[in-house]
Amino acid sequence: MTDKPNHLPERLALLADLNAAQYLTDGLLAGKEDVPAIALNKTTEPLPYDDESRAELEPVRALVEDAMYQFREDRPTAADGWLAPRLHATLRLTRREAADRRIWNYLALGVAPDYVVWRHLVAKSEGGAPKVAAARFRGPAYTQTFSRLWWAAELYRDGPDYGPVVTACGNQEMLNTALRMDVIEHRPTAQAMVRLIGRGTVTSTREANAMAAAINASAATLMYDVVAPDAERDGGPLREWIEAAESAPAVPRRDLPIGPYEEKTPERSVDVLVDHFAELFAEAPVRGRPDADERDGAET
């Protein structure tokens, strides 16, 4: 497996897609080669902000090493719920900054390629050699290793509370499917989906996929932001949280960190959507569920 990268600089950087592509070799994707760190760092660009505390590389590197150690005897997927809130609280990015793929390219190739391999190396079908999908290093926000975790933490947190993030990341379809949906940016929708998982109404990845599909389809006719309005967003708490990065201690490893002190999602709006989504899910076809099989049979 790819070893810890050598020659790590002190600061994070930006790595353009075109420059990242040249390092996505078959050897790297198979976990047999390292990234040539010195050469890679010659192709990077500096971060566009001067806040040195947010640009420090070591805290991010320490996090991924702790994740690999803590979950060394578990399935790598178990690390998602632990790392997502801590990565979010360590980087302290705005959404505009997080939308820049170059920072995620650099985290995957310049900071922690060994984590990407550890987390996403999977056996190929038909006896092929294990391989990591290139999109885990350089890909869309909902696929790239570190971007998907940051956005999961951003979209599933409830103000300063990262608890819902842990619940969401415990079901891979909340990362693989739900993060692709526009409706997940509506906080009551995101919290209602997490609530159904937390209550045990939705348990498996198949059920989460069916729930997400039903909710997304219903959004075409029902405006969730009208029936379940969110609180007005105030950018002040986020700015203060980002500005406090310089004096903030390292994120805790046992307890969850605390996010921006934004107003929480209105409870009434979440309750309205929990009831509605539970009804949608009850009627959603779930492969392997007896009632779904009966409905399929009745339709044929």
C-alpha atoms as a PDB file:
ATOM      1  CA  MET A   1       0.000   0.000   0.000  1.00  0.00           C
ATOM      2  CA  THR A   2       1.101   3.565  -0.620  1.00  0.00           C
ATOM      3  CA  ASP A   3       3.269   4.813   2.226  1.00  0.00           C
ATOM      4  CA  LYS A   4       3.014   8.102   4.057  1.00  0.00           C
ATOM      5  CA  PRO A   5       4.150  10.821   1.609  1.00  0.00           C
ATOM      6  CA  ASN A   6       7.624  12.208   2.150  1.00  0.00           C
ATOM      7  CA  HIS A   7       8.759  15.811   1.937  1.00  0.00           C
ATOM      8  CA  LEU A   8       5.500  17.269   3.228  1.00  0.00           C
ATOM      9  CA  PRO A   9       5.549  21.076   3.224  1.00  0.00           C
ATOM     10  CA  GLU A  10       4.178  23.173   6.064  1.00  0.00           C
ATOM     11  CA  ARG A  11       1.226  24.616   4.183  1.00  0.00           C
ATOM     12  CA  LEU A  12      -1.680  23.281   2.186  1.00  0.00           C
ATOM     13  CA  ALA A  13      -1.861  24.273  -1.461  1.00  0.00           C
ATOM     14  CA  LEU A  14      -3.977  24.069  -4.607  1.00  0.00           C
ATOM     15  CA  LEU A  15      -3.414  21.466  -7.320  1.00  0.00           C
ATOM     16  CA  ALA A  16      -5.123  22.022 -10.667  1.00  0.00           C
ATOM     17  CA  ASP A  17      -6.986  19.160 -12.337  1.00  0.00           C
ATOM     18  CA  LEU A  18      -4.566  19.069 -15.263  1.00  0.00           C
ATOM     19  CA  ASN A  19      -1.550  18.815 -12.986  1.00  0.00           C
ATOM     20  CA  ALA A  20      -3.259  16.241 -10.757  1.00  0.00           C
ATOM     21  CA  ALA A  21      -4.014  13.983 -13.720  1.00  0.00           C
ATOM     22  CA  GLN A  22      -0.360  13.245 -14.420  1.00  0.00           C
ATOM     23  CA  TYR A  23       0.054  11.607 -11.017  1.00  0.00           C
ATOM     24  CA  LEU A  24      -2.899   9.234 -11.351  1.00  0.00           C
ATOM     25  CA  THR A  25      -0.777   6.308 -12.502  1.00  0.00           C
ATOM     26  CA  ASP A  26      -1.851   2.694 -12.547  1.00  0.00           C
ATOM     27  CA  GLY A  27       0.683   2.031  -9.807  1.00  0.00           C
ATOM     28  CA  LEU A  28      -0.813   4.687  -7.546  1.00  0.00           C
ATOM     29  CA  LEU A  29      -4.376   3.506  -8.161  1.00  0.00           C
ATOM     30  CA  ALA A  30      -3.296  -0.041  -7.337  1.00  0.00           C
ATOM     31  CA  GLY A  31      -1.659   1.151  -4.118  1.00  0.00           C
ATOM     32  CA  LYS A  32       1.803   0.072  -5.275  1.00  0.00           C
ATOM     33  CA  GLU A  33       3.445   3.428  -6.011  1.00  0.00           C
ATOM     34  CA  ASP A  34       3.922   6.658  -4.115  1.00  0.00           C
ATOM     35  CA  VAL A  35       3.253  10.143  -5.421  1.00  0.00           C
ATOM     36  CA  PRO A  36       6.508  11.978  -6.263  1.00  0.00           C
ATOM     37  CA  ALA A  37       5.958  14.652  -3.626  1.00  0.00           C
ATOM     38  CA  ILE A  38       8.760  17.019  -4.585  1.00  0.00           C
ATOM     39  CA  ALA A  39       7.695  17.117  -8.225  1.00  0.00           C
ATOM     40  CA  LEU A  40       4.036  17.504  -7.279  1.00  0.00           C
ATOM     41  CA  ASN A  41       4.669  20.424  -4.953  1.00  0.00           C
ATOM     42  CA  LYS A  42       6.421  22.275  -7.756  1.00  0.00           C
ATOM     43  CA  THR A  43       3.122  22.321  -9.686  1.00  0.00           C
ATOM     44  CA  THR A  44       0.916  23.702  -6.901  1.00  0.00           C
ATOM     45  CA  GLU A  45      -0.436  27.165  -6.251  1.00  0.00           C
ATOM     46  CA  PRO A  46      -0.709  28.903  -2.858  1.00  0.00           C
ATOM     47  CA  LEU A  47      -4.042  29.153  -1.080  1.00  0.00           C
ATOM     48  CA  PRO A  48      -5.898  32.391  -1.860  1.00  0.00           C
ATOM     49  CA  TYR A  49      -6.127  33.471   1.784  1.00  0.00           C
ATOM     50  CA  ASP A  50      -3.470  34.649   4.212  1.00  0.00           C
ATOM     51  CA  ASP A  51      -4.760  32.913   7.339  1.00  0.00           C
ATOM     52  CA  GLU A  52      -1.806  30.686   8.193  1.00  0.00           C
ATOM     53  CA  SER A  53      -3.771  28.684  10.763  1.00  0.00           C
ATOM     54  CA  ARG A  54      -6.210  27.500   8.093  1.00  0.00           C
ATOM     55  CA  ALA A  55      -3.351  26.682   5.741  1.00  0.00           C
ATOM     56  CA  GLU A  56      -1.401  24.418   8.078  1.00  0.00           C
ATOM     57  CA  LEU A  57      -0.900  20.962   6.630  1.00  0.00           C
ATOM     58  CA  GLU A  58       0.108  19.063   9.759  1.00  0.00           C
ATOM     59  CA  PRO A  59      -3.337  19.091  11.506  1.00  0.00           C
ATOM     60  CA  VAL A  60      -4.951  17.504   8.443  1.00  0.00           C
ATOM     61  CA  ARG A  61      -2.199  14.937   8.112  1.00  0.00           C
ATOM     62  CA  ALA A  62      -2.508  14.081  11.806  1.00  0.00           C
ATOM     63  CA  LEU A  63      -6.260  13.548  11.414  1.00  0.00           C
ATOM     64  CA  VAL A  64      -5.971  11.043   8.588  1.00  0.00           C
ATOM     65  CA  GLU A  65      -3.234   9.142  10.408  1.00  0.00           C
ATOM     66  CA  ASP A  66      -5.421   8.950  13.514  1.00  0.00           C
ATOM     67  CA  ALA A  67      -8.366   7.753  11.416  1.00  0.00           C
ATOM     68  CA  MET A  68      -6.349   4.957   9.813  1.00  0.00           C
ATOM     69  CA  TYR A  69      -5.017   3.883  13.193  1.00  0.00           C
ATOM     70  CA  GLN A  70      -8.318   4.077  15.050  1.00  0.00           C
ATOM     71  CA  PHE A  71     -10.224   2.095  12.410  1.00  0.00           C
ATOM     72  CA  ARG A  72      -7.406  -0.272  11.435  1.00  0.00           C
ATOM     73  CA  GLU A  73      -9.430  -3.302  12.536  1.00  0.00           C
ATOM     74  CA  ASP A  74     -12.782  -2.105  11.178  1.00  0.00           C
ATOM     75  CA  ARG A  75     -14.091  -1.698   7.670  1.00  0.00           C
ATOM     76  CA  PRO A  76     -12.635   1.541   6.256  1.00  0.00           C
ATOM     77  CA  THR A  77     -16.154   2.892   5.715  1.00  0.00           C
ATOM     78  CA  ALA A  78     -16.446   3.198   9.498  1.00  0.00           C
ATOM     79  CA  ALA A  79     -13.930   6.051   9.387  1.00  0.00           C
ATOM     80  CA  ASP A  80     -16.249   8.348   7.415  1.00  0.00           C
ATOM     81  CA  GLY A  81     -18.431   9.378  10.340  1.00  0.00           C
ATOM     82  CA  TRP A  82     -15.390  10.042  12.507  1.00  0.00           C
ATOM     83  CA  LEU A  83     -13.342  11.970   9.966  1.00  0.00           C
ATOM     84  CA  ALA A  84     -16.053  14.078   8.265  1.00  0.00           C
ATOM     85  CA  PRO A  85     -16.880  16.448  11.163  1.00  0.00           C
ATOM     86  CA  ARG A  86     -13.243  16.702  12.252  1.00  0.00           C
ATOM     87  CA  LEU A  87     -12.020  17.490   8.739  1.00  0.00           C
ATOM     88  CA  HIS A  88     -14.719  20.165   8.429  1.00  0.00           C
ATOM     89  CA  ALA A  89     -13.833  21.713  11.785  1.00  0.00           C
ATOM     90  CA  THR A  90     -10.112  21.641  11.024  1.00  0.00           C
ATOM     91  CA  LEU A  91     -10.224  23.255   7.576  1.00  0.00           C
ATOM     92  CA  ARG A  92     -12.898  25.892   8.375  1.00  0.00           C
ATOM     93  CA  LEU A  93     -13.731  26.690   4.764  1.00  0.00           C
ATOM     94  CA  THR A  94     -16.507  28.736   3.235  1.00  0.00           C
ATOM     95  CA  ARG A  95     -18.666  26.962   0.683  1.00  0.00           C
ATOM     96  CA  ARG A  96     -17.054  29.042  -2.056  1.00  0.00           C
ATOM     97  CA  GLU A  97     -13.620  27.863  -0.971  1.00  0.00           C
ATOM     98  CA  ALA A  98     -14.790  24.264  -0.698  1.00  0.00           C
ATOM     99  CA  ALA A  99     -16.190  24.394  -4.233  1.00  0.00           C
ATOM    100  CA  ASP A 100     -12.634  24.760  -5.560  1.00  0.00           C
ATOM    101  CA  ARG A 101     -11.606  21.251  -6.588  1.00  0.00           C
ATOM    102  CA  ARG A 102      -7.938  22.180  -6.431  1.00  0.00           C
ATOM    103  CA  ILE A 103      -7.762  22.012  -2.637  1.00  0.00           C
ATOM    104  CA  TRP A 104      -9.236  18.504  -2.609  1.00  0.00           C
ATOM    105  CA  ASN A 105      -6.862  17.381  -5.362  1.00  0.00           C
ATOM    106  CA  TYR A 106      -3.998  18.498  -3.173  1.00  0.00           C
ATOM    107  CA  LEU A 107      -5.307  16.799  -0.032  1.00  0.00           C
ATOM    108  CA  ALA A 108      -5.691  13.522  -1.925  1.00  0.00           C
ATOM    109  CA  LEU A 109      -2.388  13.572  -3.798  1.00  0.00           C
ATOM    110  CA  GLY A 110      -0.140  15.893  -1.822  1.00  0.00           C
ATOM    111  CA  VAL A 111      -1.211  15.231   1.773  1.00  0.00           C
ATOM    112  CA  ALA A 112      -2.802  11.809   2.136  1.00  0.00           C
ATOM    113  CA  PRO A 113      -2.714   9.516  -0.903  1.00  0.00           C
ATOM    114  CA  ASP A 114      -2.177   6.657   1.517  1.00  0.00           C
ATOM    115  CA  TYR A 115      -5.536   7.424   3.142  1.00  0.00           C
ATOM    116  CA  VAL A 116      -7.311   7.435  -0.233  1.00  0.00           C
ATOM    117  CA  VAL A 117      -5.857   4.009  -1.010  1.00  0.00           C
ATOM    118  CA  TRP A 118      -6.650   2.683   2.476  1.00  0.00           C
ATOM    119  CA  ARG A 119     -10.246   3.925   2.315  1.00  0.00           C
ATOM    120  CA  HIS A 120     -11.173   3.160  -1.283  1.00  0.00           C
ATOM    121  CA  LEU A 121      -9.030   0.283  -2.575  1.00  0.00           C
ATOM    122  CA  VAL A 122     -11.522  -2.318  -3.759  1.00  0.00           C
ATOM    123  CA  ALA A 123     -11.206  -5.617  -5.578  1.00  0.00           C
ATOM    124  CA  LYS A 124     -12.093  -5.418  -9.256  1.00  0.00           C
ATOM    125  CA  SER A 125     -14.686  -7.769 -10.649  1.00  0.00           C
ATOM    126  CA  GLU A 126     -13.779 -10.935 -12.553  1.00  0.00           C
ATOM    127  CA  GLY A 127     -10.572 -11.476 -10.647  1.00  0.00           C
ATOM    128  CA  GLY A 128      -8.937  -8.182 -11.590  1.00  0.00           C
ATOM    129  CA  ALA A 129      -6.347  -6.566  -9.330  1.00  0.00           C
ATOM    130  CA  PRO A 130      -7.601  -4.250  -6.547  1.00  0.00           C
ATOM    131  CA  LYS A 131      -7.754  -0.631  -7.661  1.00  0.00           C
ATOM    132  CA  VAL A 132      -8.890   2.791  -6.492  1.00  0.00           C
ATOM    133  CA  ALA A 133     -11.172   4.737  -8.813  1.00  0.00           C
ATOM    134  CA  ALA A 134      -9.349   7.806 -10.121  1.00  0.00           C
ATOM    135  CA  ALA A 135     -12.315   9.970  -9.095  1.00  0.00           C
ATOM    136  CA  ARG A 136     -11.462   9.289  -5.455  1.00  0.00           C
ATOM    137  CA  PHE A 137      -8.332  11.379  -6.005  1.00  0.00           C
ATOM    138  CA  ARG A 138      -9.655  13.869  -8.544  1.00  0.00           C
ATOM    139  CA  GLY A 139     -13.384  13.877  -9.067  1.00  0.00           C
ATOM    140  CA  PRO A 140     -16.800  15.413  -8.348  1.00  0.00           C
ATOM    141  CA  ALA A 141     -17.574  16.746  -4.875  1.00  0.00           C
ATOM    142  CA  TYR A 142     -19.770  13.748  -4.024  1.00  0.00           C
ATOM    143  CA  THR A 143     -17.102  11.218  -5.067  1.00  0.00           C
ATOM    144  CA  GLN A 144     -13.671  12.658  -4.226  1.00  0.00           C
ATOM    145  CA  THR A 145     -12.421  11.225  -0.935  1.00  0.00           C
ATOM    146  CA  PHE A 146     -12.082  14.383   1.134  1.00  0.00           C
ATOM    147  CA  SER A 147     -14.546  16.644  -0.652  1.00  0.00           C
ATOM    148  CA  ARG A 148     -17.440  14.232  -0.040  1.00  0.00           C
ATOM    149  CA  LEU A 149     -16.649  14.152   3.673  1.00  0.00           C
ATOM    150  CA  TRP A 150     -16.431  17.936   3.947  1.00  0.00           C
ATOM    151  CA  TRP A 151     -19.713  18.461   2.101  1.00  0.00           C
ATOM    152  CA  ALA A 152     -21.402  15.733   4.149  1.00  0.00           C
ATOM    153  CA  ALA A 153     -20.378  17.580   7.301  1.00  0.00           C
ATOM    154  CA  GLU A 154     -21.487  20.921   5.879  1.00  0.00           C
ATOM    155  CA  LEU A 155     -24.890  19.746   4.659  1.00  0.00           C
ATOM    156  CA  TYR A 156     -25.820  17.354   7.468  1.00  0.00           C
ATOM    157  CA  ARG A 157     -24.627  19.359  10.481  1.00  0.00           C
ATOM    158  CA  ASP A 158     -27.345  21.138  12.446  1.00  0.00           C
ATOM    159  CA  GLY A 159     -25.761  24.484  13.165  1.00  0.00           C
ATOM    160  CA  PRO A 160     -22.872  23.755  15.551  1.00  0.00           C
ATOM    161  CA  ASP A 161     -24.012  20.147  16.109  1.00  0.00           C
ATOM    162  CA  TYR A 162     -22.132  17.522  14.121  1.00  0.00           C
ATOM    163  CA  GLY A 163     -24.149  14.655  15.596  1.00  0.00           C
ATOM    164  CA  PRO A 164     -26.369  14.285  12.510  1.00  0.00           C
ATOM    165  CA  VAL A 165     -23.228  14.042  10.356  1.00  0.00           C
ATOM    166  CA  VAL A 166     -22.135  10.910  12.193  1.00  0.00           C
ATOM    167  CA  THR A 167     -25.576   9.367  11.690  1.00  0.00           C
ATOM    168  CA  ALA A 168     -25.652  10.266   7.996  1.00  0.00           C
ATOM    169  CA  CYS A 169     -22.168   8.918   7.316  1.00  0.00           C
ATOM    170  CA  GLY A 170     -23.145   5.633   8.908  1.00  0.00           C
ATOM    171  CA  ASN A 171     -25.196   4.878   5.797  1.00  0.00           C
ATOM    172  CA  GLN A 172     -23.134   5.050   2.604  1.00  0.00           C
ATOM    173  CA  GLU A 173     -26.106   6.014   0.446  1.00  0.00           C
ATOM    174  CA  MET A 174     -26.331   9.302   2.326  1.00  0.00           C
ATOM    175  CA  LEU A 175     -22.925  10.001   0.803  1.00  0.00           C
ATOM    176  CA  ASN A 176     -23.200   8.195  -2.513  1.00  0.00           C
ATOM    177  CA  THR A 177     -26.738   9.209  -3.499  1.00  0.00           C
ATOM    178  CA  ALA A 178     -28.147  11.954  -1.290  1.00  0.00           C
ATOM    179  CA  LEU A 179     -25.159  14.270  -1.706  1.00  0.00           C
ATOM    180  CA  ARG A 180     -25.899  14.441  -5.437  1.00  0.00           C
ATOM    181  CA  MET A 181     -29.412  15.814  -4.864  1.00  0.00           C
ATOM    182  CA  ASP A 182     -30.108  19.539  -4.923  1.00  0.00           C
ATOM    183  CA  VAL A 183     -32.787  19.158  -2.218  1.00  0.00           C
ATOM    184  CA  ILE A 184     -30.151  18.153   0.327  1.00  0.00           C
ATOM    185  CA  GLU A 185     -29.103  21.822   0.500  1.00  0.00           C
ATOM    186  CA  HIS A 186     -32.450  22.514   2.212  1.00  0.00           C
ATOM    187  CA  ARG A 187     -31.559  21.974   5.861  1.00  0.00           C
ATOM    188  CA  PRO A 188     -34.962  20.650   7.053  1.00  0.00           C
ATOM    189  CA  THR A 189     -34.840  18.073   4.248  1.00  0.00           C
ATOM    190  CA  ALA A 190     -31.353  16.940   5.245  1.00  0.00           C
ATOM    191  CA  GLN A 191     -32.242  16.767   8.930  1.00  0.00           C
ATOM    192  CA  ALA A 192     -35.482  14.882   8.279  1.00  0.00           C
ATOM    193  CA  MET A 193     -33.625  12.253   6.257  1.00  0.00           C
ATOM    194  CA  VAL A 194     -31.057  11.845   9.020  1.00  0.00           C
ATOM    195  CA  ARG A 195     -33.841  11.646  11.609  1.00  0.00           C
ATOM    196  CA  LEU A 196     -35.441   8.703   9.781  1.00  0.00           C
ATOM    197  CA  ILE A 197     -32.129   6.866   9.849  1.00  0.00           C
ATOM    198  CA  GLY A 198     -31.523   7.724  13.490  1.00  0.00           C
ATOM    199  CA  ARG A 199     -34.949   6.410  14.459  1.00  0.00           C
ATOM    200  CA  GLY A 200     -34.399   3.139  12.649  1.00  0.00           C
ATOM    201  CA  THR A 201     -37.154   3.745  10.093  1.00  0.00           C
ATOM    202  CA  VAL A 202     -34.506   3.531   7.371  1.00  0.00           C
ATOM    203  CA  THR A 203     -31.776   1.006   8.084  1.00  0.00           C
ATOM    204  CA  SER A 204     -29.994  -0.456   5.050  1.00  0.00           C
ATOM    205  CA  THR A 205     -28.283   1.228   2.128  1.00  0.00           C
ATOM    206  CA  ARG A 206     -31.039  -0.091  -0.151  1.00  0.00           C
ATOM    207  CA  GLU A 207     -33.646   1.597   2.004  1.00  0.00           C
ATOM    208  CA  ALA A 208     -31.685   4.849   2.121  1.00  0.00           C
ATOM    209  CA  ASN A 209     -31.390   4.791  -1.648  1.00  0.00           C
ATOM    210  CA  ALA A 210     -35.137   4.240  -2.000  1.00  0.00           C
ATOM    211  CA  MET A 211     -35.875   7.018   0.497  1.00  0.00           C
ATOM    212  CA  ALA A 212     -33.612   9.455  -1.335  1.00  0.00           C
ATOM    213  CA  ALA A 213     -35.141   8.608  -4.703  1.00  0.00           C
ATOM    214  CA  ALA A 214     -38.680   9.079  -3.377  1.00  0.00           C
ATOM    215  CA  ILE A 215     -37.834  12.399  -1.719  1.00  0.00           C
ATOM    216  CA  ASN A 216     -36.116  13.688  -4.828  1.00  0.00           C
ATOM    217  CA  ALA A 217     -39.053  12.705  -7.028  1.00  0.00           C
ATOM    218  CA  SER A 218     -41.564  14.305  -4.654  1.00  0.00           C
ATOM    219  CA  ALA A 219     -39.599  17.572  -4.761  1.00  0.00           C
ATOM    220  CA  ALA A 220     -40.762  18.018  -8.354  1.00  0.00           C
ATOM    221  CA  THR A 221     -44.315  18.672  -7.144  1.00  0.00           C
ATOM    222  CA  LEU A 222     -43.915  19.748  -3.509  1.00  0.00           C
ATOM    223  CA  MET A 223     -41.748  22.724  -2.597  1.00  0.00           C
ATOM    224  CA  TYR A 224     -40.086  21.648   0.621  1.00  0.00           C
ATOM    225  CA  ASP A 225     -38.830  25.125   1.437  1.00  0.00           C
ATOM    226  CA  VAL A 226     -42.454  26.351   1.436  1.00  0.00           C
ATOM    227  CA  VAL A 227     -44.042  23.635   3.571  1.00  0.00           C
ATOM    228  CA  ALA A 228     -40.983  23.405   5.828  1.00  0.00           C
ATOM    229  CA  PRO A 229     -39.210  26.773   5.861  1.00  0.00           C
ATOM    230  CA  ASP A 230     -35.697  27.094   7.184  1.00  0.00           C
ATOM    231  CA  ALA A 231     -34.443  29.852   9.453  1.00  0.00           C
ATOM    232  CA  GLU A 232     -32.866  32.807   7.690  1.00  0.00           C
ATOM    233  CA  ARG A 233     -29.148  32.189   7.306  1.00  0.00           C
ATOM    234  CA  ASP A 234     -26.848  34.673   8.997  1.00  0.00           C
ATOM    235  CA  GLY A 235     -23.286  34.644   7.721  1.00  0.00           C
ATOM    236  CA  GLY A 236     -21.917  36.218  10.895  1.00  0.00           C
ATOM    237  CA  PRO A 237     -21.416  33.029  12.965  1.00  0.00           C
ATOM    238  CA  LEU A 238     -19.557  31.332  10.122  1.00  0.00           C
ATOM    239  CA  ARG A 239     -17.242  34.304   9.649  1.00  0.00           C
ATOM    240  CA  GLU A 240     -16.544  34.422  13.382  1.00  0.00           C
ATOM    241  CA  TRP A 241     -15.876  30.667  13.451  1.00  0.00           C
ATOM    242  CA  ILE A 242     -13.435  30.943  10.568  1.00  0.00           C
ATOM    243  CA  GLU A 243     -11.706  33.950  12.114  1.00  0.00           C
ATOM    244  CA  ALA A 244     -11.309  32.007  15.376  1.00  0.00           C
ATOM    245  CA  ALA A 245      -9.276  29.309  13.626  1.00  0.00           C
ATOM    246  CA  GLU A 246      -6.007  30.905  14.690  1.00  0.00           C
ATOM    247  CA  SER A 247      -6.732  30.456  18.399  1.00  0.00           C
ATOM    248  CA  ALA A 248      -8.698  27.211  18.146  1.00  0.00           C
ATOM    249  CA  PRO A 249      -7.143  24.059  19.646  1.00  0.00           C
ATOM    250  CA  ALA A 250      -6.806  20.854  17.645  1.00  0.00           C
ATOM    251  CA  VAL A 251     -10.150  19.151  17.130  1.00  0.00           C
ATOM    252  CA  PRO A 252     -10.950  16.572  19.824  1.00  0.00           C
ATOM    253  CA  ARG A 253     -10.529  12.926  18.951  1.00  0.00           C
ATOM    254  CA  ARG A 254     -13.083  11.455  21.344  1.00  0.00           C
ATOM    255  CA  ASP A 255     -15.761  14.133  21.528  1.00  0.00           C
ATOM    256  CA  LEU A 256     -17.264  15.788  18.487  1.00  0.00           C
ATOM    257  CA  PRO A 257     -15.985  19.248  17.595  1.00  0.00           C
ATOM    258  CA  ILE A 258     -18.322  22.237  17.664  1.00  0.00           C
ATOM    259  CA  GLY A 259     -19.226  23.918  14.411  1.00  0.00           C
ATOM    260  CA  PRO A 260     -20.285  27.499  13.678  1.00  0.00           C
ATOM    261  CA  TYR A 261     -22.860  28.824  16.152  1.00  0.00           C
ATOM    262  CA  GLU A 262     -25.531  29.169  13.502  1.00  0.00           C
ATOM    263  CA  GLU A 263     -29.188  28.875  14.375  1.00  0.00           C
ATOM    264  CA  LYS A 264     -30.359  25.283  14.344  1.00  0.00           C
ATOM    265  CA  THR A 265     -32.898  23.958  11.866  1.00  0.00           C
ATOM    266  CA  PRO A 266     -36.488  24.792  12.911  1.00  0.00           C
ATOM    267  CA  GLU A 267     -37.804  21.722  14.712  1.00  0.00           C
ATOM    268  CA  ARG A 268     -41.336  22.145  13.388  1.00  0.00           C
ATOM    269  CA  SER A 269     -40.091  22.101   9.794  1.00  0.00           C
ATOM    270  CA  VAL A 270     -38.110  18.950  10.439  1.00  0.00           C
ATOM    271  CA  ASP A 271     -41.130  17.272  12.041  1.00  0.00           C
ATOM    272  CA  VAL A 272     -43.336  18.130   9.051  1.00  0.00           C
ATOM    273  CA  LEU A 273     -40.881  16.555   6.640  1.00  0.00           C
ATOM    274  CA  VAL A 274     -40.179  13.532   8.831  1.00  0.00           C
ATOM    275  CA  ASP A 275     -43.876  12.650   8.670  1.00  0.00           C
ATOM    276  CA  HIS A 276     -44.056  13.289   4.930  1.00  0.00           C
ATOM    277  CA  PHE A 277     -40.858  11.393   4.140  1.00  0.00           C
ATOM    278  CA  ALA A 278     -41.941   8.449   6.292  1.00  0.00           C
ATOM    279  CA  GLU A 279     -45.090   8.170   4.152  1.00  0.00           C
ATOM    280  CA  LEU A 280     -43.051   8.392   0.956  1.00  0.00           C
ATOM    281  CA  PHE A 281     -40.668   5.741   2.186  1.00  0.00           C
ATOM    282  CA  ALA A 282     -43.500   3.402   3.184  1.00  0.00           C
ATOM    283  CA  GLU A 283     -44.648   3.406  -0.444  1.00  0.00           C
ATOM    284  CA  ALA A 284     -41.180   3.358  -2.015  1.00  0.00           C
ATOM    285  CA  PRO A 285     -40.051   0.184  -3.775  1.00  0.00           C
ATOM    286  CA  VAL A 286     -37.142  -1.378  -1.888  1.00  0.00           C
ATOM    287  CA  ARG A 287     -35.564  -4.414  -3.489  1.00  0.00           C
ATOM    288  CA  GLY A 288     -35.866  -7.349  -1.141  1.00  0.00           C
ATOM    289  CA  ARG A 289     -38.610  -5.836   1.013  1.00  0.00           C
ATOM    290  CA  PRO A 290     -41.693  -8.119   1.058  1.00  0.00           C
ATOM    291  CA  ASP A 291     -44.244  -5.368   0.503  1.00  0.00           C
ATOM    292  CA  ALA A 292     -42.234  -4.045  -2.440  1.00  0.00           C
ATOM    293  CA  ASP A 293     -42.083  -7.502  -4.005  1.00  0.00           C
ATOM    294  CA  GLU A 294     -45.867  -7.816  -3.642  1.00  0.00           C
ATOM    295  CA  ARG A 295     -46.426  -4.421  -5.321  1.00  0.00           C
ATOM    296  CA  ASP A 296     -44.066  -5.382  -8.151  1.00  0.00           C
ATOM    297  CA  GLY A 297     -46.002  -8.584  -8.648  1.00  0.00           C
ATOM    298  CA  ALA A 298     -49.317  -6.757  -8.700  1.00  0.00           C
ATOM    299  CA  GLU A 299     -48.053  -4.387 -11.392  1.00  0.00           C
ATOM    300  CA  THR A 300     -46.837  -7.061 -13.798  1.00  0.00           C
END
